[in-house]
Amino acid sequence: MSDNNIPVWLSELDNEDINFIKNFILASGSLKDISAIYDVTYPTIRLRLDRLIQKIKVNDSEAAEPYIALVKKLAIDEKITLDAAKILISEYKKQTGGGN
């Protein structure tokens, strides 16, 4: 946790993600209700939730291996392809002799 007792994974999320989490909680976790709030389809909300879960996992593990977390974030945010991320992580692990 950071100095102000906010978990790192939460402090690294943007306002849009935090608002999504708030709406998700207020909707009692109903993806159907969330899709109505955002006026998008259920699969779109499911994809958004899956990406948010990935972000949280990456942010939660970032302290252990910052480079790998950065590469994963870039892939989640679609700044690089998943295949490129896998190659970068694999090469990094070879160079460092391990990692996450």
PDB file of N, CA and C in Angstrom:
ATOM      1  N   MET A   1       0.830  -1.188   0.000  1.00  0.00           N
ATOM      2  CA  MET A   1       0.000   0.000   0.000  1.00  0.00           C
ATOM      3  C   MET A   1       0.870   1.246   0.000  1.00  0.00           C
ATOM      4  N   SER A   2       0.336   2.304  -0.552  1.00  0.00           N
ATOM      5  CA  SER A   2       1.050   3.562  -0.583  1.00  0.00           C
ATOM      6  C   SER A   2       0.921   4.258   0.766  1.00  0.00           C
ATOM      7  N   ASP A   3       1.575   5.405   0.885  1.00  0.00           N
ATOM      8  CA  ASP A   3       1.588   6.130   2.146  1.00  0.00           C
ATOM      9  C   ASP A   3       0.206   6.517   2.639  1.00  0.00           C
ATOM     10  N   ASN A   4      -0.711   6.820   1.750  1.00  0.00           N
ATOM     11  CA  ASN A   4      -2.047   7.243   2.168  1.00  0.00           C
ATOM     12  C   ASN A   4      -3.033   6.078   2.247  1.00  0.00           C
ATOM     13  N   ASN A   5      -2.515   4.867   2.344  1.00  0.00           N
ATOM     14  CA  ASN A   5      -3.301   3.642   2.526  1.00  0.00           C
ATOM     15  C   ASN A   5      -4.196   3.263   1.351  1.00  0.00           C
ATOM     16  N   ILE A   6      -3.964   3.857   0.195  1.00  0.00           N
ATOM     17  CA  ILE A   6      -4.670   3.443  -1.017  1.00  0.00           C
ATOM     18  C   ILE A   6      -3.814   2.373  -1.681  1.00  0.00           C
ATOM     19  N   PRO A   7      -4.391   1.210  -1.965  1.00  0.00           N
ATOM     20  CA  PRO A   7      -3.595   0.156  -2.612  1.00  0.00           C
ATOM     21  C   PRO A   7      -3.011   0.640  -3.940  1.00  0.00           C
ATOM     22  N   VAL A   8      -1.816   0.173  -4.261  1.00  0.00           N
ATOM     23  CA  VAL A   8      -1.139   0.578  -5.497  1.00  0.00           C
ATOM     24  C   VAL A   8      -2.009   0.286  -6.711  1.00  0.00           C
ATOM     25  N   TRP A   9      -2.640  -0.894  -6.745  1.00  0.00           N
ATOM     26  CA  TRP A   9      -3.445  -1.262  -7.909  1.00  0.00           C
ATOM     27  C   TRP A   9      -4.563  -0.258  -8.143  1.00  0.00           C
ATOM     28  N   LEU A  10      -5.115   0.307  -7.065  1.00  0.00           N
ATOM     29  CA  LEU A  10      -6.203   1.278  -7.191  1.00  0.00           C
ATOM     30  C   LEU A  10      -5.672   2.653  -7.578  1.00  0.00           C
ATOM     31  N   SER A  11      -4.559   3.045  -7.004  1.00  0.00           N
ATOM     32  CA  SER A  11      -4.002   4.367  -7.291  1.00  0.00           C
ATOM     33  C   SER A  11      -3.511   4.483  -8.738  1.00  0.00           C
ATOM     34  N   GLU A  12      -3.244   3.356  -9.392  1.00  0.00           N
ATOM     35  CA  GLU A  12      -2.762   3.369 -10.772  1.00  0.00           C
ATOM     36  C   GLU A  12      -3.889   3.395 -11.808  1.00  0.00           C
ATOM     37  N   LEU A  13      -5.133   3.246 -11.379  1.00  0.00           N
ATOM     38  CA  LEU A  13      -6.263   3.269 -12.314  1.00  0.00           C
ATOM     39  C   LEU A  13      -6.650   4.711 -12.630  1.00  0.00           C
ATOM     40  N   ASP A  14      -7.144   4.934 -13.850  1.00  0.00           N
ATOM     41  CA  ASP A  14      -7.592   6.280 -14.203  1.00  0.00           C
ATOM     42  C   ASP A  14      -9.028   6.491 -13.700  1.00  0.00           C
ATOM     43  N   ASN A  15      -9.496   7.738 -13.762  1.00  0.00           N
ATOM     44  CA  ASN A  15     -10.826   8.072 -13.255  1.00  0.00           C
ATOM     45  C   ASN A  15     -11.937   7.285 -13.946  1.00  0.00           C
ATOM     46  N   GLU A  16     -11.772   7.036 -15.227  1.00  0.00           N
ATOM     47  CA  GLU A  16     -12.771   6.270 -15.970  1.00  0.00           C
ATOM     48  C   GLU A  16     -12.917   4.857 -15.409  1.00  0.00           C
ATOM     49  N   ASP A  17     -11.787   4.217 -15.095  1.00  0.00           N
ATOM     50  CA  ASP A  17     -11.823   2.880 -14.508  1.00  0.00           C
ATOM     51  C   ASP A  17     -12.439   2.896 -13.113  1.00  0.00           C
ATOM     52  N   ILE A  18     -12.094   3.904 -12.330  1.00  0.00           N
ATOM     53  CA  ILE A  18     -12.641   4.008 -10.972  1.00  0.00           C
ATOM     54  C   ILE A  18     -14.152   4.231 -11.019  1.00  0.00           C
ATOM     55  N   ASN A  19     -14.612   5.067 -11.951  1.00  0.00           N
ATOM     56  CA  ASN A  19     -16.056   5.276 -12.100  1.00  0.00           C
ATOM     57  C   ASN A  19     -16.758   3.996 -12.540  1.00  0.00           C
ATOM     58  N   PHE A  20     -16.094   3.220 -13.400  1.00  0.00           N
ATOM     59  CA  PHE A  20     -16.665   1.942 -13.826  1.00  0.00           C
ATOM     60  C   PHE A  20     -16.826   1.014 -12.615  1.00  0.00           C
ATOM     61  N   ILE A  21     -15.792   0.947 -11.781  1.00  0.00           N
ATOM     62  CA  ILE A  21     -15.856   0.112 -10.570  1.00  0.00           C
ATOM     63  C   ILE A  21     -16.991   0.582  -9.670  1.00  0.00           C
ATOM     64  N   LYS A  22     -17.114   1.897  -9.488  1.00  0.00           N
ATOM     65  CA  LYS A  22     -18.190   2.452  -8.660  1.00  0.00           C
ATOM     66  C   LYS A  22     -19.560   2.049  -9.210  1.00  0.00           C
ATOM     67  N   ASN A  23     -19.746   2.222 -10.516  1.00  0.00           N
ATOM     68  CA  ASN A  23     -21.029   1.851 -11.126  1.00  0.00           C
ATOM     69  C   ASN A  23     -21.281   0.352 -11.023  1.00  0.00           C
ATOM     70  N   PHE A  24     -20.238  -0.437 -11.165  1.00  0.00           N
ATOM     71  CA  PHE A  24     -20.349  -1.888 -11.038  1.00  0.00           C
ATOM     72  C   PHE A  24     -20.835  -2.263  -9.635  1.00  0.00           C
ATOM     73  N   ILE A  25     -20.261  -1.633  -8.632  1.00  0.00           N
ATOM     74  CA  ILE A  25     -20.661  -1.911  -7.244  1.00  0.00           C
ATOM     75  C   ILE A  25     -22.103  -1.456  -7.008  1.00  0.00           C
ATOM     76  N   LEU A  26     -22.421  -0.238  -7.460  1.00  0.00           N
ATOM     77  CA  LEU A  26     -23.775   0.285  -7.265  1.00  0.00           C
ATOM     78  C   LEU A  26     -24.826  -0.550  -7.991  1.00  0.00           C
ATOM     79  N   ALA A  27     -24.426  -1.225  -9.072  1.00  0.00           N
ATOM     80  CA  ALA A  27     -25.335  -2.100  -9.822  1.00  0.00           C
ATOM     81  C   ALA A  27     -25.293  -3.527  -9.277  1.00  0.00           C
ATOM     82  N   SER A  28     -24.682  -3.703  -8.115  1.00  0.00           N
ATOM     83  CA  SER A  28     -24.560  -5.016  -7.471  1.00  0.00           C
ATOM     84  C   SER A  28     -23.902  -6.044  -8.390  1.00  0.00           C
ATOM     85  N   GLY A  29     -22.991  -5.580  -9.227  1.00  0.00           N
ATOM     86  CA  GLY A  29     -22.254  -6.487 -10.103  1.00  0.00           C
ATOM     87  C   GLY A  29     -23.027  -6.972 -11.315  1.00  0.00           C
ATOM     88  N   SER A  30     -24.162  -6.372 -11.589  1.00  0.00           N
ATOM     89  CA  SER A  30     -24.968  -6.794 -12.737  1.00  0.00           C
ATOM     90  C   SER A  30     -24.408  -6.186 -14.024  1.00  0.00           C
ATOM     91  N   LEU A  31     -23.825  -7.029 -14.861  1.00  0.00           N
ATOM     92  CA  LEU A  31     -23.289  -6.538 -16.130  1.00  0.00           C
ATOM     93  C   LEU A  31     -24.413  -6.050 -17.043  1.00  0.00           C
ATOM     94  N   LYS A  32     -25.591  -6.643 -16.916  1.00  0.00           N
ATOM     95  CA  LYS A  32     -26.747  -6.202 -17.699  1.00  0.00           C
ATOM     96  C   LYS A  32     -27.101  -4.759 -17.334  1.00  0.00           C
ATOM     97  N   ASP A  33     -27.119  -4.462 -16.036  1.00  0.00           N
ATOM     98  CA  ASP A  33     -27.422  -3.096 -15.600  1.00  0.00           C
ATOM     99  C   ASP A  33     -26.328  -2.120 -16.031  1.00  0.00           C
ATOM    100  N   ILE A  34     -25.082  -2.556 -15.950  1.00  0.00           N
ATOM    101  CA  ILE A  34     -23.965  -1.706 -16.363  1.00  0.00           C
ATOM    102  C   ILE A  34     -24.041  -1.419 -17.861  1.00  0.00           C
ATOM    103  N   SER A  35     -24.410  -2.421 -18.651  1.00  0.00           N
ATOM    104  CA  SER A  35     -24.519  -2.190 -20.097  1.00  0.00           C
ATOM    105  C   SER A  35     -25.611  -1.157 -20.402  1.00  0.00           C
ATOM    106  N   ALA A  36     -26.667  -1.136 -19.588  1.00  0.00           N
ATOM    107  CA  ALA A  36     -27.721  -0.128 -19.772  1.00  0.00           C
ATOM    108  C   ALA A  36     -27.207   1.262 -19.379  1.00  0.00           C
ATOM    109  N   ILE A  37     -26.441   1.340 -18.295  1.00  0.00           N
ATOM    110  CA  ILE A  37     -25.888   2.628 -17.847  1.00  0.00           C
ATOM    111  C   ILE A  37     -24.994   3.226 -18.927  1.00  0.00           C
ATOM    112  N   TYR A  38     -24.126   2.398 -19.508  1.00  0.00           N
ATOM    113  CA  TYR A  38     -23.173   2.877 -20.514  1.00  0.00           C
ATOM    114  C   TYR A  38     -23.742   2.840 -21.933  1.00  0.00           C
ATOM    115  N   ASP A  39     -24.959   2.287 -22.078  1.00  0.00           N
ATOM    116  CA  ASP A  39     -25.629   2.190 -23.375  1.00  0.00           C
ATOM    117  C   ASP A  39     -24.763   1.468 -24.410  1.00  0.00           C
ATOM    118  N   VAL A  40     -24.224   0.323 -23.971  1.00  0.00           N
ATOM    119  CA  VAL A  40     -23.439  -0.547 -24.854  1.00  0.00           C
ATOM    120  C   VAL A  40     -23.906  -1.984 -24.631  1.00  0.00           C
ATOM    121  N   THR A  41     -23.440  -2.880 -25.470  1.00  0.00           N
ATOM    122  CA  THR A  41     -23.871  -4.273 -25.367  1.00  0.00           C
ATOM    123  C   THR A  41     -23.196  -4.983 -24.185  1.00  0.00           C
ATOM    124  N   TYR A  42     -23.813  -6.064 -23.786  1.00  0.00           N
ATOM    125  CA  TYR A  42     -23.258  -6.895 -22.710  1.00  0.00           C
ATOM    126  C   TYR A  42     -21.833  -7.351 -23.033  1.00  0.00           C
ATOM    127  N   PRO A  43     -21.567  -7.870 -24.264  1.00  0.00           N
ATOM    128  CA  PRO A  43     -20.188  -8.293 -24.560  1.00  0.00           C
ATOM    129  C   PRO A  43     -19.171  -7.151 -24.446  1.00  0.00           C
ATOM    130  N   THR A  44     -19.572  -5.932 -24.767  1.00  0.00           N
ATOM    131  CA  THR A  44     -18.670  -4.782 -24.634  1.00  0.00           C
ATOM    132  C   THR A  44     -18.329  -4.547 -23.165  1.00  0.00           C
ATOM    133  N   ILE A  45     -19.329  -4.650 -22.306  1.00  0.00           N
ATOM    134  CA  ILE A  45     -19.090  -4.481 -20.864  1.00  0.00           C
ATOM    135  C   ILE A  45     -18.235  -5.629 -20.340  1.00  0.00           C
ATOM    136  N   ARG A  46     -18.489  -6.821 -20.795  1.00  0.00           N
ATOM    137  CA  ARG A  46     -17.692  -7.979 -20.356  1.00  0.00           C
ATOM    138  C   ARG A  46     -16.218  -7.795 -20.738  1.00  0.00           C
ATOM    139  N   LEU A  47     -15.980  -7.309 -21.956  1.00  0.00           N
ATOM    140  CA  LEU A  47     -14.613  -7.051 -22.413  1.00  0.00           C
ATOM    141  C   LEU A  47     -13.959  -5.955 -21.563  1.00  0.00           C
ATOM    142  N   ARG A  48     -14.710  -4.912 -21.270  1.00  0.00           N
ATOM    143  CA  ARG A  48     -14.175  -3.826 -20.436  1.00  0.00           C
ATOM    144  C   ARG A  48     -13.823  -4.334 -19.048  1.00  0.00           C
ATOM    145  N   LEU A  49     -14.687  -5.161 -18.476  1.00  0.00           N
ATOM    146  CA  LEU A  49     -14.424  -5.722 -17.155  1.00  0.00           C
ATOM    147  C   LEU A  49     -13.192  -6.626 -17.196  1.00  0.00           C
ATOM    148  N   ASP A  50     -13.071  -7.444 -18.230  1.00  0.00           N
ATOM    149  CA  ASP A  50     -11.897  -8.318 -18.367  1.00  0.00           C
ATOM    150  C   ASP A  50     -10.612  -7.504 -18.453  1.00  0.00           C
ATOM    151  N   ARG A  51     -10.631  -6.412 -19.207  1.00  0.00           N
ATOM    152  CA  ARG A  51      -9.444  -5.549 -19.307  1.00  0.00           C
ATOM    153  C   ARG A  51      -9.136  -4.874 -17.978  1.00  0.00           C
ATOM    154  N   LEU A  52     -10.173  -4.470 -17.265  1.00  0.00           N
ATOM    155  CA  LEU A  52      -9.972  -3.861 -15.957  1.00  0.00           C
ATOM    156  C   LEU A  52      -9.351  -4.866 -14.983  1.00  0.00           C
ATOM    157  N   ILE A  53      -9.809  -6.088 -15.030  1.00  0.00           N
ATOM    158  CA  ILE A  53      -9.235  -7.145 -14.195  1.00  0.00           C
ATOM    159  C   ILE A  53      -7.763  -7.323 -14.523  1.00  0.00           C
ATOM    160  N   GLN A  54      -7.427  -7.324 -15.815  1.00  0.00           N
ATOM    161  CA  GLN A  54      -6.020  -7.444 -16.223  1.00  0.00           C
ATOM    162  C   GLN A  54      -5.194  -6.283 -15.692  1.00  0.00           C
ATOM    163  N   LYS A  55      -5.726  -5.057 -15.791  1.00  0.00           N
ATOM    164  CA  LYS A  55      -5.010  -3.881 -15.284  1.00  0.00           C
ATOM    165  C   LYS A  55      -4.739  -4.011 -13.794  1.00  0.00           C
ATOM    166  N   ILE A  56      -5.746  -4.452 -13.057  1.00  0.00           N
ATOM    167  CA  ILE A  56      -5.593  -4.594 -11.610  1.00  0.00           C
ATOM    168  C   ILE A  56      -4.524  -5.630 -11.291  1.00  0.00           C
ATOM    169  N   LYS A  57      -4.544  -6.747 -11.990  1.00  0.00           N
ATOM    170  CA  LYS A  57      -3.533  -7.784 -11.765  1.00  0.00           C
ATOM    171  C   LYS A  57      -2.139  -7.264 -12.070  1.00  0.00           C
ATOM    172  N   VAL A  58      -2.003  -6.534 -13.170  1.00  0.00           N
ATOM    173  CA  VAL A  58      -0.698  -5.976 -13.537  1.00  0.00           C
ATOM    174  C   VAL A  58      -0.251  -4.958 -12.501  1.00  0.00           C
ATOM    175  N   ASN A  59      -1.136  -4.056 -12.111  1.00  0.00           N
ATOM    176  CA  ASN A  59      -0.782  -3.035 -11.115  1.00  0.00           C
ATOM    177  C   ASN A  59      -0.429  -3.664  -9.776  1.00  0.00           C
ATOM    178  N   ASP A  60      -1.088  -4.756  -9.444  1.00  0.00           N
ATOM    179  CA  ASP A  60      -0.839  -5.423  -8.173  1.00  0.00           C
ATOM    180  C   ASP A  60       0.530  -6.104  -8.161  1.00  0.00           C
ATOM    181  N   SER A  61       0.989  -6.530  -9.331  1.00  0.00           N
ATOM    182  CA  SER A  61       2.267  -7.242  -9.404  1.00  0.00           C
ATOM    183  C   SER A  61       3.428  -6.344  -9.828  1.00  0.00           C
ATOM    184  N   GLU A  62       3.150  -5.087 -10.083  1.00  0.00           N
ATOM    185  CA  GLU A  62       4.157  -4.172 -10.639  1.00  0.00           C
ATOM    186  C   GLU A  62       5.387  -4.021  -9.765  1.00  0.00           C
ATOM    187  N   ALA A  63       5.217  -3.990  -8.470  1.00  0.00           N
ATOM    188  CA  ALA A  63       6.366  -3.791  -7.578  1.00  0.00           C
ATOM    189  C   ALA A  63       7.375  -4.926  -7.713  1.00  0.00           C
ATOM    190  N   ALA A  64       6.902  -6.127  -7.980  1.00  0.00           N
ATOM    191  CA  ALA A  64       7.793  -7.281  -8.069  1.00  0.00           C
ATOM    192  C   ALA A  64       8.677  -7.216  -9.319  1.00  0.00           C
ATOM    193  N   GLU A  65       8.153  -6.794 -10.428  1.00  0.00           N
ATOM    194  CA  GLU A  65       8.905  -6.771 -11.678  1.00  0.00           C
ATOM    195  C   GLU A  65       8.391  -5.632 -12.564  1.00  0.00           C
ATOM    196  N   PRO A  66       8.896  -4.404 -12.354  1.00  0.00           N
ATOM    197  CA  PRO A  66       8.369  -3.230 -13.062  1.00  0.00           C
ATOM    198  C   PRO A  66       8.425  -3.323 -14.588  1.00  0.00           C
ATOM    199  N   TYR A  67       9.504  -3.879 -15.151  1.00  0.00           N
ATOM    200  CA  TYR A  67       9.613  -3.956 -16.611  1.00  0.00           C
ATOM    201  C   TYR A  67       8.512  -4.842 -17.193  1.00  0.00           C
ATOM    202  N   ILE A  68       8.320  -6.001 -16.602  1.00  0.00           N
ATOM    203  CA  ILE A  68       7.292  -6.923 -17.087  1.00  0.00           C
ATOM    204  C   ILE A  68       5.911  -6.296 -16.933  1.00  0.00           C
ATOM    205  N   ALA A  69       5.684  -5.608 -15.816  1.00  0.00           N
ATOM    206  CA  ALA A  69       4.400  -4.937 -15.607  1.00  0.00           C
ATOM    207  C   ALA A  69       4.169  -3.869 -16.677  1.00  0.00           C
ATOM    208  N   LEU A  70       5.218  -3.123 -17.026  1.00  0.00           N
ATOM    209  CA  LEU A  70       5.105  -2.098 -18.062  1.00  0.00           C
ATOM    210  C   LEU A  70       4.730  -2.723 -19.402  1.00  0.00           C
ATOM    211  N   VAL A  71       5.391  -3.803 -19.770  1.00  0.00           N
ATOM    212  CA  VAL A  71       5.097  -4.468 -21.039  1.00  0.00           C
ATOM    213  C   VAL A  71       3.655  -4.978 -21.038  1.00  0.00           C
ATOM    214  N   LYS A  72       3.223  -5.556 -19.926  1.00  0.00           N
ATOM    215  CA  LYS A  72       1.839  -6.044 -19.837  1.00  0.00           C
ATOM    216  C   LYS A  72       0.850  -4.893 -19.958  1.00  0.00           C
ATOM    217  N   LYS A  73       1.148  -3.751 -19.309  1.00  0.00           N
ATOM    218  CA  LYS A  73       0.264  -2.580 -19.408  1.00  0.00           C
ATOM    219  C   LYS A  73       0.154  -2.112 -20.845  1.00  0.00           C
ATOM    220  N   LEU A  74       1.278  -2.072 -21.539  1.00  0.00           N
ATOM    221  CA  LEU A  74       1.259  -1.643 -22.936  1.00  0.00           C
ATOM    222  C   LEU A  74       0.385  -2.573 -23.779  1.00  0.00           C
ATOM    223  N   ALA A  75       0.446  -3.862 -23.511  1.00  0.00           N
ATOM    224  CA  ALA A  75      -0.379  -4.823 -24.246  1.00  0.00           C
ATOM    225  C   ALA A  75      -1.859  -4.656 -23.887  1.00  0.00           C
ATOM    226  N   ILE A  76      -2.153  -4.488 -22.608  1.00  0.00           N
ATOM    227  CA  ILE A  76      -3.544  -4.306 -22.176  1.00  0.00           C
ATOM    228  C   ILE A  76      -4.138  -3.051 -22.799  1.00  0.00           C
ATOM    229  N   ASP A  77      -3.343  -1.986 -22.845  1.00  0.00           N
ATOM    230  CA  ASP A  77      -3.803  -0.719 -23.427  1.00  0.00           C
ATOM    231  C   ASP A  77      -3.716  -0.711 -24.951  1.00  0.00           C
ATOM    232  N   GLU A  78      -3.348  -1.866 -25.530  1.00  0.00           N
ATOM    233  CA  GLU A  78      -3.252  -2.054 -26.978  1.00  0.00           C
ATOM    234  C   GLU A  78      -2.265  -1.090 -27.629  1.00  0.00           C
ATOM    235  N   LYS A  79      -1.211  -0.739 -26.900  1.00  0.00           N
ATOM    236  CA  LYS A  79      -0.129   0.085 -27.452  1.00  0.00           C
ATOM    237  C   LYS A  79       0.878  -0.799 -28.185  1.00  0.00           C
ATOM    238  N   ILE A  80       0.970  -2.065 -27.775  1.00  0.00           N
ATOM    239  CA  ILE A  80       1.759  -3.072 -28.478  1.00  0.00           C
ATOM    240  C   ILE A  80       0.901  -4.334 -28.568  1.00  0.00           C
ATOM    241  N   THR A  81       1.269  -5.209 -29.485  1.00  0.00           N
ATOM    242  CA  THR A  81       0.490  -6.444 -29.636  1.00  0.00           C
ATOM    243  C   THR A  81       0.819  -7.418 -28.510  1.00  0.00           C
ATOM    244  N   LEU A  82      -0.077  -8.342 -28.285  1.00  0.00           N
ATOM    245  CA  LEU A  82       0.142  -9.369 -27.287  1.00  0.00           C
ATOM    246  C   LEU A  82       1.358 -10.211 -27.652  1.00  0.00           C
ATOM    247  N   ASP A  83       1.509 -10.518 -28.933  1.00  0.00           N
ATOM    248  CA  ASP A  83       2.670 -11.297 -29.371  1.00  0.00           C
ATOM    249  C   ASP A  83       3.976 -10.553 -29.085  1.00  0.00           C
ATOM    250  N   ALA A  84       3.999  -9.246 -29.343  1.00  0.00           N
ATOM    251  CA  ALA A  84       5.198  -8.451 -29.062  1.00  0.00           C
ATOM    252  C   ALA A  84       5.492  -8.446 -27.562  1.00  0.00           C
ATOM    253  N   ALA A  85       4.441  -8.342 -26.746  1.00  0.00           N
ATOM    254  CA  ALA A  85       4.624  -8.354 -25.292  1.00  0.00           C
ATOM    255  C   ALA A  85       5.232  -9.677 -24.838  1.00  0.00           C
ATOM    256  N   LYS A  86       4.738 -10.772 -25.384  1.00  0.00           N
ATOM    257  CA  LYS A  86       5.261 -12.087 -25.017  1.00  0.00           C
ATOM    258  C   LYS A  86       6.742 -12.216 -25.379  1.00  0.00           C
ATOM    259  N   ILE A  87       7.098 -11.707 -26.549  1.00  0.00           N
ATOM    260  CA  ILE A  87       8.503 -11.761 -26.985  1.00  0.00           C
ATOM    261  C   ILE A  87       9.377 -10.918 -26.065  1.00  0.00           C
ATOM    262  N   LEU A  88       8.944  -9.708 -25.771  1.00  0.00           N
ATOM    263  CA  LEU A  88       9.725  -8.827 -24.891  1.00  0.00           C
ATOM    264  C   LEU A  88       9.908  -9.429 -23.503  1.00  0.00           C
ATOM    265  N   ILE A  89       8.844  -9.989 -22.950  1.00  0.00           N
ATOM    266  CA  ILE A  89       8.924 -10.598 -21.618  1.00  0.00           C
ATOM    267  C   ILE A  89       9.833 -11.821 -21.645  1.00  0.00           C
ATOM    268  N   SER A  90       9.700 -12.640 -22.674  1.00  0.00           N
ATOM    269  CA  SER A  90      10.535 -13.830 -22.789  1.00  0.00           C
ATOM    270  C   SER A  90      12.009 -13.457 -22.885  1.00  0.00           C
ATOM    271  N   GLU A  91      12.329 -12.479 -23.728  1.00  0.00           N
ATOM    272  CA  GLU A  91      13.721 -12.044 -23.873  1.00  0.00           C
ATOM    273  C   GLU A  91      14.250 -11.417 -22.590  1.00  0.00           C
ATOM    274  N   TYR A  92      13.417 -10.658 -21.917  1.00  0.00           N
ATOM    275  CA  TYR A  92      13.814 -10.048 -20.646  1.00  0.00           C
ATOM    276  C   TYR A  92      14.150 -11.129 -19.617  1.00  0.00           C
ATOM    277  N   LYS A  93      13.307 -12.152 -19.548  1.00  0.00           N
ATOM    278  CA  LYS A  93      13.554 -13.246 -18.594  1.00  0.00           C
ATOM    279  C   LYS A  93      14.842 -13.979 -18.930  1.00  0.00           C
ATOM    280  N   LYS A  94      15.123 -14.161 -20.227  1.00  0.00           N
ATOM    281  CA  LYS A  94      16.381 -14.801 -20.618  1.00  0.00           C
ATOM    282  C   LYS A  94      17.581 -13.959 -20.174  1.00  0.00           C
ATOM    283  N   GLN A  95      17.480 -12.658 -20.364  1.00  0.00           N
ATOM    284  CA  GLN A  95      18.575 -11.744 -20.041  1.00  0.00           C
ATOM    285  C   GLN A  95      18.802 -11.629 -18.537  1.00  0.00           C
ATOM    286  N   THR A  96      17.727 -11.687 -17.771  1.00  0.00           N
ATOM    287  CA  THR A  96      17.833 -11.501 -16.325  1.00  0.00           C
ATOM    288  C   THR A  96      17.869 -12.817 -15.559  1.00  0.00           C
ATOM    289  N   GLY A  97      17.615 -13.888 -16.265  1.00  0.00           N
ATOM    290  CA  GLY A  97      17.661 -15.202 -15.602  1.00  0.00           C
ATOM    291  C   GLY A  97      16.442 -15.502 -14.755  1.00  0.00           C
ATOM    292  N   GLY A  98      15.309 -14.955 -15.122  1.00  0.00           N
ATOM    293  CA  GLY A  98      14.087 -15.265 -14.367  1.00  0.00           C
ATOM    294  C   GLY A  98      13.063 -14.188 -14.491  1.00  0.00           C
ATOM    295  N   GLY A  99      12.464 -13.814 -13.382  1.00  0.00           N
ATOM    296  CA  GLY A  99      11.403 -12.805 -13.362  1.00  0.00           C
ATOM    297  C   GLY A  99      10.067 -13.476 -13.164  1.00  0.00           C
ATOM    298  N   ASN A 100       9.000 -12.668 -13.263  1.00  0.00           N
ATOM    299  CA  ASN A 100       7.633 -13.174 -13.055  1.00  0.00           C
ATOM    300  C   ASN A 100       7.060 -13.716 -14.323  1.00  0.00           C
TER     301      ASN A 100
END
